[in-house]
Amino acid sequence: MLAPCYMHDDPEREDRSSPNILVCILIYCAARIPSLYYRTNIPQAVPKSRTMAITRCVTDPSGMAVSRAFAVQSMIREVEHFKAIKTLLEKAQDQLCQLVCTNDQVRDAYVALEEAQDFILRGKSEKESSLDNEQAMLKQLLNASDLNPMTKHELYVCIQRLRAYQKRKESEEDSDYSFDNKNDEMNN
């Protein structure tokens, strides 16, 4: 039978911290990002029938920059998670291939795993495309004149982390490509 694949070393432990961490990060981001400030002109004695109008709306570029930096970090974690899921799916496929069985259920499970792997690869490529777009936005925000130095430093660190991730991804792709070429040469 198939052995279950876990993303951690201890199969007895159920990993339920990831959704909680994501919720905490989202709440933290939402609490930290003051995107709009509203100010109203309210006289001291306002009649109840009178409606109040918003007189000014100010956007905070530091909040937008921090939001983008958190989004990029989250996307990098999601892409890494996609890689881990893909690895687990490959392990499950290998286990199915090792079973010498003509049972239709095994073949159906194998096809379902292939479809799941394709779905994961599409999600990963979409996130990587979004990361490229975010990198351009972060560079524009870094050049903004109205950001405080602390936020500019956070953006710079985020851009450097994104570049390091992209270099690591390219080196992995190069090593995968060279491995495929070696296999092709051995088969010919």
C-alpha atoms as a PDB file:
ATOM      1  CA  MET A   1       0.000   0.000   0.000  1.00  0.00           C
ATOM      2  CA  LEU A   2       1.064   3.623  -0.370  1.00  0.00           C
ATOM      3  CA  ALA A   3       2.896   5.260   2.490  1.00  0.00           C
ATOM      4  CA  PRO A   4       1.637   8.735   3.351  1.00  0.00           C
ATOM      5  CA  CYS A   5       3.946  11.620   2.505  1.00  0.00           C
ATOM      6  CA  TYR A   6       4.342  14.383   5.068  1.00  0.00           C
ATOM      7  CA  MET A   7       5.823  17.841   4.673  1.00  0.00           C
ATOM      8  CA  HIS A   8       7.546  17.454   8.038  1.00  0.00           C
ATOM      9  CA  ASP A   9       9.614  14.711   9.667  1.00  0.00           C
ATOM     10  CA  ASP A  10       7.083  13.619  12.288  1.00  0.00           C
ATOM     11  CA  PRO A  11       4.107  11.792  10.685  1.00  0.00           C
ATOM     12  CA  GLU A  12       2.211  11.817  14.010  1.00  0.00           C
ATOM     13  CA  ARG A  13       2.110  15.610  14.136  1.00  0.00           C
ATOM     14  CA  GLU A  14      -0.649  17.360  12.295  1.00  0.00           C
ATOM     15  CA  ASP A  15       0.596  20.628  10.884  1.00  0.00           C
ATOM     16  CA  ARG A  16      -2.180  23.091  11.515  1.00  0.00           C
ATOM     17  CA  SER A  17       0.009  26.111  12.118  1.00  0.00           C
ATOM     18  CA  SER A  18       0.223  27.186   8.477  1.00  0.00           C
ATOM     19  CA  PRO A  19      -3.351  28.502   8.139  1.00  0.00           C
ATOM     20  CA  ASN A  20      -3.081  30.231  11.509  1.00  0.00           C
ATOM     21  CA  ILE A  21       0.197  31.856  10.524  1.00  0.00           C
ATOM     22  CA  LEU A  22      -1.324  33.033   7.254  1.00  0.00           C
ATOM     23  CA  VAL A  23      -4.312  34.527   9.067  1.00  0.00           C
ATOM     24  CA  CYS A  24      -2.010  36.226  11.569  1.00  0.00           C
ATOM     25  CA  ILE A  25       0.120  37.648   8.761  1.00  0.00           C
ATOM     26  CA  LEU A  26      -2.947  38.935   6.944  1.00  0.00           C
ATOM     27  CA  ILE A  27      -4.322  40.527  10.111  1.00  0.00           C
ATOM     28  CA  TYR A  28      -0.908  42.000  10.913  1.00  0.00           C
ATOM     29  CA  CYS A  29      -0.599  43.399   7.387  1.00  0.00           C
ATOM     30  CA  ALA A  30      -4.091  44.829   7.469  1.00  0.00           C
ATOM     31  CA  ALA A  31      -3.448  46.436  10.848  1.00  0.00           C
ATOM     32  CA  ARG A  32      -0.102  47.911   9.811  1.00  0.00           C
ATOM     33  CA  ILE A  33      -1.093  49.359   6.472  1.00  0.00           C
ATOM     34  CA  PRO A  34      -2.837  52.699   6.844  1.00  0.00           C
ATOM     35  CA  SER A  35      -3.905  53.110   3.240  1.00  0.00           C
ATOM     36  CA  LEU A  36      -6.493  55.851   3.590  1.00  0.00           C
ATOM     37  CA  TYR A  37      -6.983  58.542   6.180  1.00  0.00           C
ATOM     38  CA  TYR A  38     -10.222  60.457   6.189  1.00  0.00           C
ATOM     39  CA  ARG A  39     -10.845  63.806   7.771  1.00  0.00           C
ATOM     40  CA  THR A  40     -14.196  65.486   7.990  1.00  0.00           C
ATOM     41  CA  ASN A  41     -15.112  69.042   8.794  1.00  0.00           C
ATOM     42  CA  ILE A  42     -17.429  68.631  11.753  1.00  0.00           C
ATOM     43  CA  PRO A  43     -18.829  71.703  13.454  1.00  0.00           C
ATOM     44  CA  GLN A  44     -19.337  71.488  17.217  1.00  0.00           C
ATOM     45  CA  ALA A  45     -23.117  71.256  17.036  1.00  0.00           C
ATOM     46  CA  VAL A  46     -24.081  69.091  14.081  1.00  0.00           C
ATOM     47  CA  PRO A  47     -27.773  68.604  13.393  1.00  0.00           C
ATOM     48  CA  LYS A  48     -28.713  64.928  13.057  1.00  0.00           C
ATOM     49  CA  SER A  49     -30.274  65.383   9.626  1.00  0.00           C
ATOM     50  CA  ARG A  50     -27.102  66.841   8.144  1.00  0.00           C
ATOM     51  CA  THR A  51     -24.797  64.486   6.238  1.00  0.00           C
ATOM     52  CA  MET A  52     -21.046  64.826   6.499  1.00  0.00           C
ATOM     53  CA  ALA A  53     -18.767  64.852   3.492  1.00  0.00           C
ATOM     54  CA  ILE A  54     -15.248  63.555   3.216  1.00  0.00           C
ATOM     55  CA  THR A  55     -13.058  66.532   2.488  1.00  0.00           C
ATOM     56  CA  ARG A  56      -9.682  64.898   2.039  1.00  0.00           C
ATOM     57  CA  CYS A  57      -8.263  61.494   1.219  1.00  0.00           C
ATOM     58  CA  VAL A  58      -4.548  60.817   1.652  1.00  0.00           C
ATOM     59  CA  THR A  59      -2.728  57.665   0.584  1.00  0.00           C
ATOM     60  CA  ASP A  60       0.287  56.545   2.549  1.00  0.00           C
ATOM     61  CA  PRO A  61       3.120  55.424   0.226  1.00  0.00           C
ATOM     62  CA  SER A  62       4.988  53.781   3.108  1.00  0.00           C
ATOM     63  CA  GLY A  63       1.976  51.601   3.791  1.00  0.00           C
ATOM     64  CA  MET A  64       1.705  50.664   0.135  1.00  0.00           C
ATOM     65  CA  ALA A  65       5.413  49.813  -0.010  1.00  0.00           C
ATOM     66  CA  VAL A  66       5.271  47.629   3.091  1.00  0.00           C
ATOM     67  CA  SER A  67       2.171  45.935   1.695  1.00  0.00           C
ATOM     68  CA  ARG A  68       3.993  45.117  -1.546  1.00  0.00           C
ATOM     69  CA  ALA A  69       7.001  43.777   0.360  1.00  0.00           C
ATOM     70  CA  PHE A  70       4.763  41.476   2.419  1.00  0.00           C
ATOM     71  CA  ALA A  71       2.986  40.344  -0.748  1.00  0.00           C
ATOM     72  CA  VAL A  72       6.287  39.394  -2.403  1.00  0.00           C
ATOM     73  CA  GLN A  73       7.454  37.467   0.656  1.00  0.00           C
ATOM     74  CA  SER A  74       4.131  35.648   0.749  1.00  0.00           C
ATOM     75  CA  MET A  75       4.363  34.791  -2.957  1.00  0.00           C
ATOM     76  CA  ILE A  76       7.863  33.380  -2.520  1.00  0.00           C
ATOM     77  CA  ARG A  77       6.595  31.182   0.330  1.00  0.00           C
ATOM     78  CA  GLU A  78       3.676  30.032  -1.843  1.00  0.00           C
ATOM     79  CA  VAL A  79       5.992  29.092  -4.714  1.00  0.00           C
ATOM     80  CA  GLU A  80       8.196  27.133  -2.301  1.00  0.00           C
ATOM     81  CA  HIS A  81       5.063  25.414  -1.005  1.00  0.00           C
ATOM     82  CA  PHE A  82       4.081  24.521  -4.587  1.00  0.00           C
ATOM     83  CA  LYS A  83       7.528  22.953  -5.043  1.00  0.00           C
ATOM     84  CA  ALA A  84       7.070  20.871  -1.892  1.00  0.00           C
ATOM     85  CA  ILE A  85       3.628  19.701  -3.032  1.00  0.00           C
ATOM     86  CA  LYS A  86       5.034  18.799  -6.451  1.00  0.00           C
ATOM     87  CA  THR A  87       7.747  16.723  -4.779  1.00  0.00           C
ATOM     88  CA  LEU A  88       5.155  14.898  -2.682  1.00  0.00           C
ATOM     89  CA  LEU A  89       3.062  14.199  -5.767  1.00  0.00           C
ATOM     90  CA  GLU A  90       6.122  12.829  -7.570  1.00  0.00           C
ATOM     91  CA  LYS A  91       6.844  10.523  -4.620  1.00  0.00           C
ATOM     92  CA  ALA A  92       3.279   9.242  -4.675  1.00  0.00           C
ATOM     93  CA  GLN A  93       3.505   8.664  -8.440  1.00  0.00           C
ATOM     94  CA  ASP A  94       6.744   6.726  -7.997  1.00  0.00           C
ATOM     95  CA  GLN A  95       5.112   4.551  -5.359  1.00  0.00           C
ATOM     96  CA  LEU A  96       2.212   3.848  -7.717  1.00  0.00           C
ATOM     97  CA  CYS A  97       4.577   2.966 -10.554  1.00  0.00           C
ATOM     98  CA  GLN A  98       6.386   0.490  -8.342  1.00  0.00           C
ATOM     99  CA  LEU A  99       3.157  -1.392  -7.720  1.00  0.00           C
ATOM    100  CA  VAL A 100       2.916  -4.075 -10.335  1.00  0.00           C
ATOM    101  CA  CYS A 101      -0.817  -4.171 -10.694  1.00  0.00           C
ATOM    102  CA  THR A 102      -3.215  -3.984 -13.595  1.00  0.00           C
ATOM    103  CA  ASN A 103      -5.971  -2.696 -11.382  1.00  0.00           C
ATOM    104  CA  ASP A 104      -7.918   0.166 -12.973  1.00  0.00           C
ATOM    105  CA  GLN A 105      -8.036   2.014  -9.667  1.00  0.00           C
ATOM    106  CA  VAL A 106      -4.249   2.269  -9.595  1.00  0.00           C
ATOM    107  CA  ARG A 107      -4.160   3.654 -13.131  1.00  0.00           C
ATOM    108  CA  ASP A 108      -6.926   6.127 -12.289  1.00  0.00           C
ATOM    109  CA  ALA A 109      -5.013   7.262  -9.205  1.00  0.00           C
ATOM    110  CA  TYR A 110      -1.865   7.683 -11.294  1.00  0.00           C
ATOM    111  CA  VAL A 111      -3.720   9.850 -13.826  1.00  0.00           C
ATOM    112  CA  ALA A 112      -5.256  11.896 -10.995  1.00  0.00           C
ATOM    113  CA  LEU A 113      -1.783  12.499  -9.565  1.00  0.00           C
ATOM    114  CA  GLU A 114      -0.506  13.636 -12.964  1.00  0.00           C
ATOM    115  CA  GLU A 115      -3.413  16.085 -13.249  1.00  0.00           C
ATOM    116  CA  ALA A 116      -2.758  17.386  -9.736  1.00  0.00           C
ATOM    117  CA  GLN A 117       0.904  17.870 -10.585  1.00  0.00           C
ATOM    118  CA  ASP A 118      -0.026  19.840 -13.720  1.00  0.00           C
ATOM    119  CA  PHE A 119      -2.381  21.986 -11.634  1.00  0.00           C
ATOM    120  CA  ILE A 120       0.400  22.709  -9.135  1.00  0.00           C
ATOM    121  CA  LEU A 121       2.858  23.585 -11.905  1.00  0.00           C
ATOM    122  CA  ARG A 122       0.358  26.031 -13.419  1.00  0.00           C
ATOM    123  CA  GLY A 123      -0.153  27.679 -10.030  1.00  0.00           C
ATOM    124  CA  LYS A 124       3.585  27.900  -9.491  1.00  0.00           C
ATOM    125  CA  SER A 125       4.163  29.531 -12.881  1.00  0.00           C
ATOM    126  CA  GLU A 126       1.356  32.039 -12.233  1.00  0.00           C
ATOM    127  CA  LYS A 127       2.905  33.015  -8.886  1.00  0.00           C
ATOM    128  CA  GLU A 128       6.334  33.376 -10.475  1.00  0.00           C
ATOM    129  CA  SER A 129       4.814  35.640 -13.127  1.00  0.00           C
ATOM    130  CA  SER A 130       3.202  37.715 -10.378  1.00  0.00           C
ATOM    131  CA  LEU A 131       6.572  37.925  -8.633  1.00  0.00           C
ATOM    132  CA  ASP A 132       8.108  39.427 -11.774  1.00  0.00           C
ATOM    133  CA  ASN A 133       5.360  42.062 -11.862  1.00  0.00           C
ATOM    134  CA  GLU A 134       5.800  42.807  -8.167  1.00  0.00           C
ATOM    135  CA  GLN A 135       9.546  43.263  -8.615  1.00  0.00           C
ATOM    136  CA  ALA A 136       8.900  46.034 -11.135  1.00  0.00           C
ATOM    137  CA  MET A 137       6.430  47.681  -8.737  1.00  0.00           C
ATOM    138  CA  LEU A 138       8.880  47.447  -5.839  1.00  0.00           C
ATOM    139  CA  LYS A 139      11.590  49.121  -7.911  1.00  0.00           C
ATOM    140  CA  GLN A 140       9.212  51.989  -8.706  1.00  0.00           C
ATOM    141  CA  LEU A 141       8.289  52.362  -5.043  1.00  0.00           C
ATOM    142  CA  LEU A 142      11.964  52.289  -4.048  1.00  0.00           C
ATOM    143  CA  ASN A 143      12.594  55.320  -6.258  1.00  0.00           C
ATOM    144  CA  ALA A 144       9.711  57.294  -4.716  1.00  0.00           C
ATOM    145  CA  SER A 145      10.862  60.438  -2.945  1.00  0.00           C
ATOM    146  CA  ASP A 146       8.222  60.452  -0.205  1.00  0.00           C
ATOM    147  CA  LEU A 147       9.201  57.166   1.495  1.00  0.00           C
ATOM    148  CA  ASN A 148      10.953  57.158   4.825  1.00  0.00           C
ATOM    149  CA  PRO A 149      14.429  55.546   4.995  1.00  0.00           C
ATOM    150  CA  MET A 150      13.198  52.580   7.058  1.00  0.00           C
ATOM    151  CA  THR A 151      10.628  51.642   4.417  1.00  0.00           C
ATOM    152  CA  LYS A 152      13.182  52.085   1.637  1.00  0.00           C
ATOM    153  CA  HIS A 153      15.493  49.704   3.483  1.00  0.00           C
ATOM    154  CA  GLU A 154      12.669  47.132   3.820  1.00  0.00           C
ATOM    155  CA  LEU A 155      11.979  47.426   0.093  1.00  0.00           C
ATOM    156  CA  TYR A 156      15.665  47.054  -0.741  1.00  0.00           C
ATOM    157  CA  VAL A 157      15.930  43.914   1.409  1.00  0.00           C
ATOM    158  CA  CYS A 158      12.794  42.514  -0.212  1.00  0.00           C
ATOM    159  CA  ILE A 159      14.136  43.162  -3.714  1.00  0.00           C
ATOM    160  CA  GLN A 160      17.446  41.495  -2.806  1.00  0.00           C
ATOM    161  CA  ARG A 161      15.581  38.489  -1.404  1.00  0.00           C
ATOM    162  CA  LEU A 162      13.529  38.289  -4.602  1.00  0.00           C
ATOM    163  CA  ARG A 163      16.676  38.441  -6.751  1.00  0.00           C
ATOM    164  CA  ALA A 164      18.298  35.690  -4.679  1.00  0.00           C
ATOM    165  CA  TYR A 165      15.184  33.555  -5.121  1.00  0.00           C
ATOM    166  CA  GLN A 166      15.235  34.124  -8.894  1.00  0.00           C
ATOM    167  CA  LYS A 167      18.942  33.181  -9.111  1.00  0.00           C
ATOM    168  CA  ARG A 168      18.292  30.031  -7.087  1.00  0.00           C
ATOM    169  CA  LYS A 169      15.362  29.183  -9.372  1.00  0.00           C
ATOM    170  CA  GLU A 170      17.508  29.670 -12.493  1.00  0.00           C
ATOM    171  CA  SER A 171      20.277  27.463 -11.101  1.00  0.00           C
ATOM    172  CA  GLU A 172      17.724  24.742 -10.276  1.00  0.00           C
ATOM    173  CA  GLU A 173      16.320  24.954 -13.799  1.00  0.00           C
ATOM    174  CA  ASP A 174      19.830  24.733 -15.272  1.00  0.00           C
ATOM    175  CA  SER A 175      20.647  21.674 -13.173  1.00  0.00           C
ATOM    176  CA  ASP A 176      17.331  20.047 -14.151  1.00  0.00           C
ATOM    177  CA  TYR A 177      18.046  20.796 -17.811  1.00  0.00           C
ATOM    178  CA  SER A 178      21.532  19.282 -17.668  1.00  0.00           C
ATOM    179  CA  PHE A 179      20.141  16.185 -15.914  1.00  0.00           C
ATOM    180  CA  ASP A 180      17.532  15.758 -18.664  1.00  0.00           C
ATOM    181  CA  ASN A 181      20.221  16.060 -21.348  1.00  0.00           C
ATOM    182  CA  LYS A 182      22.365  13.389 -19.652  1.00  0.00           C
ATOM    183  CA  ASN A 183      19.372  11.040 -19.551  1.00  0.00           C
ATOM    184  CA  ASP A 184      18.636  11.682 -23.232  1.00  0.00           C
ATOM    185  CA  GLU A 185      22.256  10.936 -24.173  1.00  0.00           C
ATOM    186  CA  MET A 186      22.241   7.711 -22.168  1.00  0.00           C
ATOM    187  CA  ASN A 187      19.008   6.551 -23.828  1.00  0.00           C
ATOM    188  CA  ASN A 188      20.332   7.160 -27.358  1.00  0.00           C
END
